[in-house]
Amino acid sequence: MLPTSLTTNEIKDAAGAEIEFARHSTEGRKLIFVKTGELPNAPHRLTVSHSESGVGPAMRRRSLIRVDKTVAGVSALPRIVSCYTVLDAPVGDLAVDTEIKAVVANLISFIASTGADTTVKYDCTGTGASVLVSGSL
């Protein structure tokens, strides 16, 4: 269960500094947080949502964590930068969450570190983050 406010280093910027978010709205299995002190013309949001489909062994859960930030483009027009992670898991046919944790760990390590270290790289110099930012392969 997520807390009402994300104020103790749950979210950081590229320099590793804490950014605080407060719960804004809940609708079904969708929760939206807003950055504390955000400007009305520059929303900065964190969304967490879950949905299930299928029944019995065919049941799947799709979980989403998404960050959207409105920034001024070079044209001075507002532009939205979005980054999100989606987990699609066959929860109806798994007895434990071990394999779900394995693929989440694979993704986190690929994005947030390089092969030579175990330090989280908030500056986006991790192997996966650097290709996301640059658009390279």
N, C-alpha and C. Protein backbone atom coordinates (compact mmCIF):
# COMPACT_ATOMS: atom_id res chain seq x y z
N MET A 1 0.85 -1.18 0.00
CA MET A 1 0.00 0.00 0.00
C MET A 1 0.89 1.24 0.00
N LEU A 2 0.59 2.16 -0.88
CA LEU A 2 1.37 3.39 -0.97
C LEU A 2 0.94 4.39 0.09
N PRO A 3 1.89 5.16 0.60
CA PRO A 3 1.54 6.17 1.60
C PRO A 3 0.80 7.35 0.97
N THR A 4 0.26 8.21 1.80
CA THR A 4 -0.45 9.40 1.32
C THR A 4 0.51 10.38 0.65
N SER A 5 1.71 10.50 1.18
CA SER A 5 2.72 11.38 0.61
C SER A 5 4.01 10.61 0.37
N LEU A 6 4.68 10.94 -0.71
CA LEU A 6 5.98 10.35 -1.02
C LEU A 6 7.01 11.43 -0.70
N THR A 7 7.51 11.40 0.54
CA THR A 7 8.36 12.50 1.02
C THR A 7 9.68 12.04 1.61
N THR A 8 9.96 10.75 1.58
CA THR A 8 11.19 10.28 2.21
C THR A 8 12.05 9.52 1.21
N ASN A 9 12.44 10.22 0.15
CA ASN A 9 13.36 9.68 -0.86
C ASN A 9 12.78 8.57 -1.74
N GLU A 10 11.47 8.42 -1.82
CA GLU A 10 10.91 7.43 -2.73
C GLU A 10 11.14 7.84 -4.19
N ILE A 11 11.16 9.15 -4.43
CA ILE A 11 11.35 9.67 -5.79
C ILE A 11 12.49 10.67 -5.77
N LYS A 12 13.41 10.51 -6.72
CA LYS A 12 14.56 11.40 -6.80
C LYS A 12 14.70 11.93 -8.22
N ASP A 13 15.44 13.03 -8.35
CA ASP A 13 15.73 13.56 -9.68
C ASP A 13 17.06 13.02 -10.18
N ALA A 14 17.53 13.49 -11.33
CA ALA A 14 18.76 12.97 -11.93
C ALA A 14 19.99 13.23 -11.07
N ALA A 15 19.93 14.22 -10.18
CA ALA A 15 21.05 14.51 -9.29
C ALA A 15 20.96 13.69 -8.00
N GLY A 16 19.92 12.89 -7.85
CA GLY A 16 19.74 12.08 -6.65
C GLY A 16 19.06 12.83 -5.52
N ALA A 17 18.52 14.02 -5.82
CA ALA A 17 17.83 14.81 -4.79
C ALA A 17 16.36 14.38 -4.69
N GLU A 18 15.85 14.37 -3.49
CA GLU A 18 14.46 13.98 -3.23
C GLU A 18 13.48 14.96 -3.87
N ILE A 19 12.42 14.41 -4.46
CA ILE A 19 11.30 15.20 -4.95
C ILE A 19 10.07 14.70 -4.21
N GLU A 20 9.29 15.60 -3.65
CA GLU A 20 8.13 15.19 -2.86
C GLU A 20 6.86 15.21 -3.70
N PHE A 21 6.03 14.18 -3.51
CA PHE A 21 4.74 14.07 -4.19
C PHE A 21 3.65 13.81 -3.14
N ALA A 22 2.45 14.31 -3.41
CA ALA A 22 1.31 14.09 -2.53
C ALA A 22 0.18 13.43 -3.32
N ARG A 23 -0.57 12.61 -2.61
CA ARG A 23 -1.69 11.91 -3.25
C ARG A 23 -2.71 12.94 -3.74
N HIS A 24 -3.12 12.79 -4.98
CA HIS A 24 -4.06 13.72 -5.61
C HIS A 24 -5.44 13.11 -5.77
N SER A 25 -5.50 11.92 -6.36
CA SER A 25 -6.80 11.29 -6.58
C SER A 25 -6.67 9.78 -6.69
N THR A 26 -7.77 9.12 -6.36
CA THR A 26 -7.86 7.67 -6.50
C THR A 26 -9.15 7.37 -7.22
N GLU A 27 -9.05 6.55 -8.27
CA GLU A 27 -10.23 6.15 -9.02
C GLU A 27 -10.12 4.67 -9.31
N GLY A 28 -10.88 3.86 -8.60
CA GLY A 28 -10.76 2.41 -8.76
C GLY A 28 -9.37 1.95 -8.36
N ARG A 29 -8.65 1.34 -9.27
CA ARG A 29 -7.29 0.87 -8.99
C ARG A 29 -6.26 1.76 -9.67
N LYS A 30 -6.56 3.05 -9.72
CA LYS A 30 -5.65 4.04 -10.29
C LYS A 30 -5.43 5.15 -9.26
N LEU A 31 -4.16 5.44 -9.00
CA LEU A 31 -3.79 6.44 -8.00
C LEU A 31 -2.87 7.45 -8.66
N ILE A 32 -3.15 8.73 -8.45
CA ILE A 32 -2.33 9.79 -9.03
C ILE A 32 -1.74 10.64 -7.91
N PHE A 33 -0.43 10.87 -8.00
CA PHE A 33 0.29 11.77 -7.10
C PHE A 33 0.70 13.01 -7.89
N VAL A 34 0.73 14.17 -7.21
CA VAL A 34 1.20 15.41 -7.83
C VAL A 34 2.46 15.87 -7.10
N LYS A 35 3.37 16.48 -7.84
CA LYS A 35 4.58 17.00 -7.22
C LYS A 35 4.20 18.15 -6.29
N THR A 36 4.70 18.11 -5.08
CA THR A 36 4.43 19.17 -4.12
C THR A 36 5.00 20.48 -4.65
N GLY A 37 4.15 21.50 -4.70
CA GLY A 37 4.58 22.82 -5.17
C GLY A 37 4.66 22.97 -6.68
N GLU A 38 4.06 22.04 -7.41
CA GLU A 38 4.12 22.16 -8.87
C GLU A 38 3.36 23.41 -9.33
N LEU A 39 3.81 23.97 -10.44
CA LEU A 39 3.13 25.12 -11.02
C LEU A 39 1.91 24.65 -11.81
N PRO A 40 0.81 25.40 -11.78
CA PRO A 40 -0.40 24.96 -12.49
C PRO A 40 -0.18 24.70 -13.98
N ASN A 41 0.73 25.46 -14.61
CA ASN A 41 0.96 25.28 -16.04
C ASN A 41 2.06 24.26 -16.33
N ALA A 42 2.59 23.62 -15.28
CA ALA A 42 3.64 22.62 -15.46
C ALA A 42 3.43 21.43 -14.54
N PRO A 43 2.34 20.67 -14.77
CA PRO A 43 2.07 19.53 -13.90
C PRO A 43 3.17 18.47 -13.98
N HIS A 44 3.43 17.84 -12.84
CA HIS A 44 4.42 16.76 -12.73
C HIS A 44 3.72 15.67 -11.95
N ARG A 45 3.35 14.58 -12.61
CA ARG A 45 2.48 13.57 -12.02
C ARG A 45 3.12 12.19 -12.00
N LEU A 46 2.75 11.42 -10.99
CA LEU A 46 3.12 10.01 -10.88
C LEU A 46 1.80 9.24 -10.80
N THR A 47 1.64 8.27 -11.68
CA THR A 47 0.42 7.46 -11.72
C THR A 47 0.78 6.00 -11.50
N VAL A 48 -0.02 5.32 -10.68
CA VAL A 48 0.11 3.88 -10.46
C VAL A 48 -1.27 3.29 -10.71
N SER A 49 -1.34 2.26 -11.58
CA SER A 49 -2.63 1.63 -11.84
C SER A 49 -2.47 0.14 -12.08
N HIS A 50 -3.57 -0.58 -11.87
CA HIS A 50 -3.59 -2.04 -12.05
C HIS A 50 -4.91 -2.43 -12.70
N SER A 51 -4.87 -3.44 -13.56
CA SER A 51 -6.09 -4.00 -14.12
C SER A 51 -5.88 -5.49 -14.35
N GLU A 52 -6.97 -6.26 -14.23
CA GLU A 52 -6.91 -7.69 -14.45
C GLU A 52 -7.79 -8.06 -15.63
N SER A 53 -7.39 -9.12 -16.32
CA SER A 53 -8.22 -9.67 -17.38
C SER A 53 -8.13 -11.19 -17.32
N GLY A 54 -9.15 -11.85 -17.83
CA GLY A 54 -9.19 -13.31 -17.79
C GLY A 54 -9.64 -13.83 -16.44
N VAL A 55 -9.83 -15.15 -16.37
CA VAL A 55 -10.25 -15.78 -15.12
C VAL A 55 -9.45 -17.06 -14.91
N GLY A 56 -9.40 -17.50 -13.66
CA GLY A 56 -8.71 -18.73 -13.33
C GLY A 56 -7.25 -18.69 -13.75
N PRO A 57 -6.72 -19.78 -14.30
CA PRO A 57 -5.32 -19.82 -14.70
C PRO A 57 -4.97 -18.83 -15.82
N ALA A 58 -5.99 -18.37 -16.55
CA ALA A 58 -5.76 -17.41 -17.64
C ALA A 58 -5.73 -15.96 -17.16
N MET A 59 -5.92 -15.72 -15.84
CA MET A 59 -5.94 -14.35 -15.33
C MET A 59 -4.56 -13.70 -15.46
N ARG A 60 -4.57 -12.47 -15.96
CA ARG A 60 -3.35 -11.66 -16.09
C ARG A 60 -3.58 -10.34 -15.38
N ARG A 61 -2.52 -9.79 -14.83
CA ARG A 61 -2.58 -8.45 -14.24
C ARG A 61 -1.63 -7.55 -15.02
N ARG A 62 -2.11 -6.38 -15.37
CA ARG A 62 -1.29 -5.35 -16.01
C ARG A 62 -1.15 -4.22 -14.99
N SER A 63 0.08 -3.97 -14.58
CA SER A 63 0.37 -2.91 -13.62
C SER A 63 1.23 -1.86 -14.30
N LEU A 64 0.95 -0.60 -14.02
CA LEU A 64 1.62 0.52 -14.67
C LEU A 64 2.10 1.52 -13.63
N ILE A 65 3.35 1.96 -13.77
CA ILE A 65 3.87 3.09 -13.02
C ILE A 65 4.34 4.09 -14.07
N ARG A 66 3.85 5.33 -13.98
CA ARG A 66 4.10 6.31 -15.03
C ARG A 66 4.39 7.68 -14.42
N VAL A 67 5.38 8.36 -14.99
CA VAL A 67 5.69 9.73 -14.60
C VAL A 67 5.51 10.62 -15.83
N ASP A 68 4.75 11.69 -15.67
CA ASP A 68 4.53 12.68 -16.73
C ASP A 68 4.93 14.04 -16.19
N LYS A 69 5.70 14.78 -16.98
CA LYS A 69 6.13 16.11 -16.57
C LYS A 69 5.95 17.07 -17.73
N THR A 70 5.25 18.17 -17.50
CA THR A 70 5.07 19.20 -18.51
C THR A 70 6.21 20.20 -18.40
N VAL A 71 6.87 20.45 -19.51
CA VAL A 71 8.01 21.37 -19.56
C VAL A 71 7.83 22.32 -20.73
N ALA A 72 8.57 23.43 -20.72
CA ALA A 72 8.54 24.36 -21.85
C ALA A 72 9.53 23.88 -22.89
N GLY A 73 9.05 23.70 -24.12
CA GLY A 73 9.94 23.32 -25.21
C GLY A 73 10.72 24.54 -25.70
N VAL A 74 11.63 24.33 -26.62
CA VAL A 74 12.41 25.42 -27.21
C VAL A 74 11.45 26.44 -27.83
N SER A 75 10.32 25.97 -28.34
CA SER A 75 9.31 26.85 -28.95
C SER A 75 8.53 27.63 -27.90
N ALA A 76 8.78 27.38 -26.63
CA ALA A 76 8.06 27.97 -25.49
C ALA A 76 6.67 27.36 -25.30
N LEU A 77 6.31 26.40 -26.13
CA LEU A 77 5.04 25.71 -25.96
C LEU A 77 5.20 24.61 -24.92
N PRO A 78 4.13 24.29 -24.19
CA PRO A 78 4.23 23.21 -23.21
C PRO A 78 4.34 21.85 -23.90
N ARG A 79 5.27 21.03 -23.42
CA ARG A 79 5.49 19.68 -23.95
C ARG A 79 5.50 18.71 -22.78
N ILE A 80 5.00 17.50 -23.01
CA ILE A 80 4.94 16.50 -21.94
C ILE A 80 6.00 15.44 -22.19
N VAL A 81 6.82 15.19 -21.17
CA VAL A 81 7.80 14.11 -21.18
C VAL A 81 7.21 13.01 -20.29
N SER A 82 7.14 11.77 -20.82
CA SER A 82 6.56 10.65 -20.08
C SER A 82 7.51 9.47 -20.06
N CYS A 83 7.53 8.77 -18.94
CA CYS A 83 8.29 7.53 -18.83
C CYS A 83 7.45 6.58 -17.99
N TYR A 84 7.35 5.34 -18.44
CA TYR A 84 6.55 4.40 -17.67
C TYR A 84 7.06 2.98 -17.79
N THR A 85 6.67 2.20 -16.81
CA THR A 85 6.98 0.78 -16.76
C THR A 85 5.68 0.02 -16.66
N VAL A 86 5.54 -1.02 -17.46
CA VAL A 86 4.35 -1.87 -17.44
C VAL A 86 4.78 -3.29 -17.10
N LEU A 87 4.09 -3.88 -16.16
CA LEU A 87 4.29 -5.29 -15.84
C LEU A 87 3.03 -6.03 -16.28
N ASP A 88 3.19 -7.04 -17.11
CA ASP A 88 2.08 -7.89 -17.55
C ASP A 88 2.41 -9.30 -17.07
N ALA A 89 1.65 -9.79 -16.10
CA ALA A 89 2.00 -11.06 -15.46
C ALA A 89 0.81 -12.02 -15.43
N PRO A 90 1.08 -13.32 -15.62
CA PRO A 90 0.04 -14.35 -15.59
C PRO A 90 -0.28 -14.75 -14.14
N VAL A 91 -0.84 -13.83 -13.37
CA VAL A 91 -1.03 -14.07 -11.93
C VAL A 91 -1.98 -15.23 -11.62
N GLY A 92 -2.84 -15.58 -12.55
CA GLY A 92 -3.76 -16.70 -12.31
C GLY A 92 -3.09 -18.05 -12.39
N ASP A 93 -1.87 -18.12 -12.93
CA ASP A 93 -1.21 -19.41 -13.09
C ASP A 93 0.17 -19.44 -12.42
N LEU A 94 0.39 -18.54 -11.47
CA LEU A 94 1.63 -18.53 -10.70
C LEU A 94 1.31 -18.73 -9.23
N ALA A 95 2.00 -19.64 -8.59
CA ALA A 95 1.77 -19.90 -7.17
C ALA A 95 2.49 -18.88 -6.29
N VAL A 96 3.62 -18.34 -6.78
CA VAL A 96 4.40 -17.36 -6.04
C VAL A 96 4.84 -16.25 -6.99
N ASP A 97 5.31 -15.16 -6.43
CA ASP A 97 5.70 -14.02 -7.26
C ASP A 97 7.20 -13.97 -7.58
N THR A 98 7.90 -15.07 -7.40
CA THR A 98 9.35 -15.12 -7.61
C THR A 98 9.75 -14.70 -9.01
N GLU A 99 9.09 -15.22 -10.04
CA GLU A 99 9.45 -14.88 -11.42
C GLU A 99 9.05 -13.46 -11.78
N ILE A 100 7.98 -12.95 -11.18
CA ILE A 100 7.61 -11.55 -11.39
C ILE A 100 8.71 -10.66 -10.84
N LYS A 101 9.17 -10.96 -9.63
CA LYS A 101 10.27 -10.19 -9.02
C LYS A 101 11.54 -10.28 -9.87
N ALA A 102 11.78 -11.44 -10.47
CA ALA A 102 12.99 -11.63 -11.28
C ALA A 102 13.01 -10.69 -12.48
N VAL A 103 11.89 -10.58 -13.20
CA VAL A 103 11.89 -9.71 -14.37
C VAL A 103 11.90 -8.23 -13.99
N VAL A 104 11.27 -7.87 -12.88
CA VAL A 104 11.33 -6.48 -12.40
C VAL A 104 12.78 -6.14 -12.03
N ALA A 105 13.45 -7.04 -11.33
CA ALA A 105 14.86 -6.82 -10.97
C ALA A 105 15.73 -6.69 -12.21
N ASN A 106 15.47 -7.52 -13.23
CA ASN A 106 16.23 -7.43 -14.48
C ASN A 106 16.09 -6.05 -15.09
N LEU A 107 14.86 -5.54 -15.14
CA LEU A 107 14.62 -4.23 -15.74
C LEU A 107 15.26 -3.11 -14.93
N ILE A 108 15.09 -3.16 -13.60
CA ILE A 108 15.67 -2.12 -12.75
C ILE A 108 17.18 -2.08 -12.90
N SER A 109 17.82 -3.24 -12.87
CA SER A 109 19.28 -3.26 -12.96
C SER A 109 19.76 -2.78 -14.32
N PHE A 110 19.06 -3.14 -15.40
CA PHE A 110 19.44 -2.70 -16.73
C PHE A 110 19.33 -1.19 -16.87
N ILE A 111 18.28 -0.61 -16.32
CA ILE A 111 18.07 0.83 -16.43
C ILE A 111 18.99 1.61 -15.50
N ALA A 112 19.14 1.16 -14.27
CA ALA A 112 19.75 1.99 -13.23
C ALA A 112 21.21 1.69 -12.90
N SER A 113 21.85 0.76 -13.61
CA SER A 113 23.26 0.50 -13.32
C SER A 113 23.98 0.09 -14.59
N THR A 114 25.28 -0.04 -14.48
CA THR A 114 26.08 -0.58 -15.58
C THR A 114 26.53 -1.97 -15.16
N GLY A 115 27.11 -2.71 -16.05
CA GLY A 115 27.53 -4.07 -15.72
C GLY A 115 28.63 -4.13 -14.69
N ALA A 116 29.35 -3.04 -14.50
CA ALA A 116 30.51 -3.05 -13.62
C ALA A 116 30.21 -2.61 -12.19
N ASP A 117 28.98 -2.23 -11.90
CA ASP A 117 28.70 -1.74 -10.55
C ASP A 117 27.32 -2.15 -10.08
N THR A 118 27.07 -1.90 -8.82
CA THR A 118 25.76 -2.18 -8.24
C THR A 118 25.14 -0.91 -7.67
N THR A 119 25.68 0.22 -8.02
CA THR A 119 25.17 1.51 -7.55
C THR A 119 24.06 2.00 -8.47
N VAL A 120 22.97 2.50 -7.89
CA VAL A 120 21.89 3.08 -8.68
C VAL A 120 22.37 4.40 -9.25
N LYS A 121 22.22 4.57 -10.56
CA LYS A 121 22.68 5.77 -11.25
C LYS A 121 21.48 6.64 -11.61
N TYR A 122 21.17 7.60 -10.74
CA TYR A 122 20.05 8.50 -10.97
C TYR A 122 20.32 9.46 -12.12
N ASP A 123 21.58 9.63 -12.50
CA ASP A 123 21.92 10.56 -13.57
C ASP A 123 21.69 9.99 -14.96
N CYS A 124 21.06 8.84 -15.04
CA CYS A 124 20.70 8.19 -16.30
C CYS A 124 21.90 7.72 -17.10
N THR A 125 22.98 7.35 -16.42
CA THR A 125 24.13 6.77 -17.10
C THR A 125 24.14 5.25 -17.01
N GLY A 126 23.08 4.67 -16.44
CA GLY A 126 22.94 3.22 -16.44
C GLY A 126 22.79 2.75 -17.88
N THR A 127 23.11 1.51 -18.13
CA THR A 127 23.10 0.97 -19.49
C THR A 127 21.76 1.22 -20.20
N GLY A 128 20.68 0.83 -19.59
CA GLY A 128 19.37 1.00 -20.22
C GLY A 128 18.89 2.44 -20.25
N ALA A 129 19.11 3.18 -19.17
CA ALA A 129 18.67 4.58 -19.12
C ALA A 129 19.36 5.41 -20.20
N SER A 130 20.64 5.15 -20.42
CA SER A 130 21.35 5.95 -21.42
C SER A 130 20.79 5.73 -22.82
N VAL A 131 20.36 4.51 -23.16
CA VAL A 131 19.76 4.30 -24.48
C VAL A 131 18.34 4.86 -24.56
N LEU A 132 17.63 4.89 -23.43
CA LEU A 132 16.32 5.53 -23.42
C LEU A 132 16.46 7.03 -23.71
N VAL A 133 17.40 7.66 -23.04
CA VAL A 133 17.60 9.11 -23.17
C VAL A 133 18.11 9.47 -24.57
N SER A 134 19.07 8.71 -25.08
CA SER A 134 19.70 9.07 -26.35
C SER A 134 18.98 8.52 -27.59
N GLY A 135 18.14 7.52 -27.40
CA GLY A 135 17.48 6.89 -28.55
C GLY A 135 18.39 5.97 -29.33
N SER A 136 19.47 5.51 -28.70
CA SER A 136 20.43 4.63 -29.38
C SER A 136 20.12 3.17 -29.11
N LEU A 137 20.81 2.30 -29.82
CA LEU A 137 20.66 0.86 -29.61
C LEU A 137 21.98 0.24 -29.21
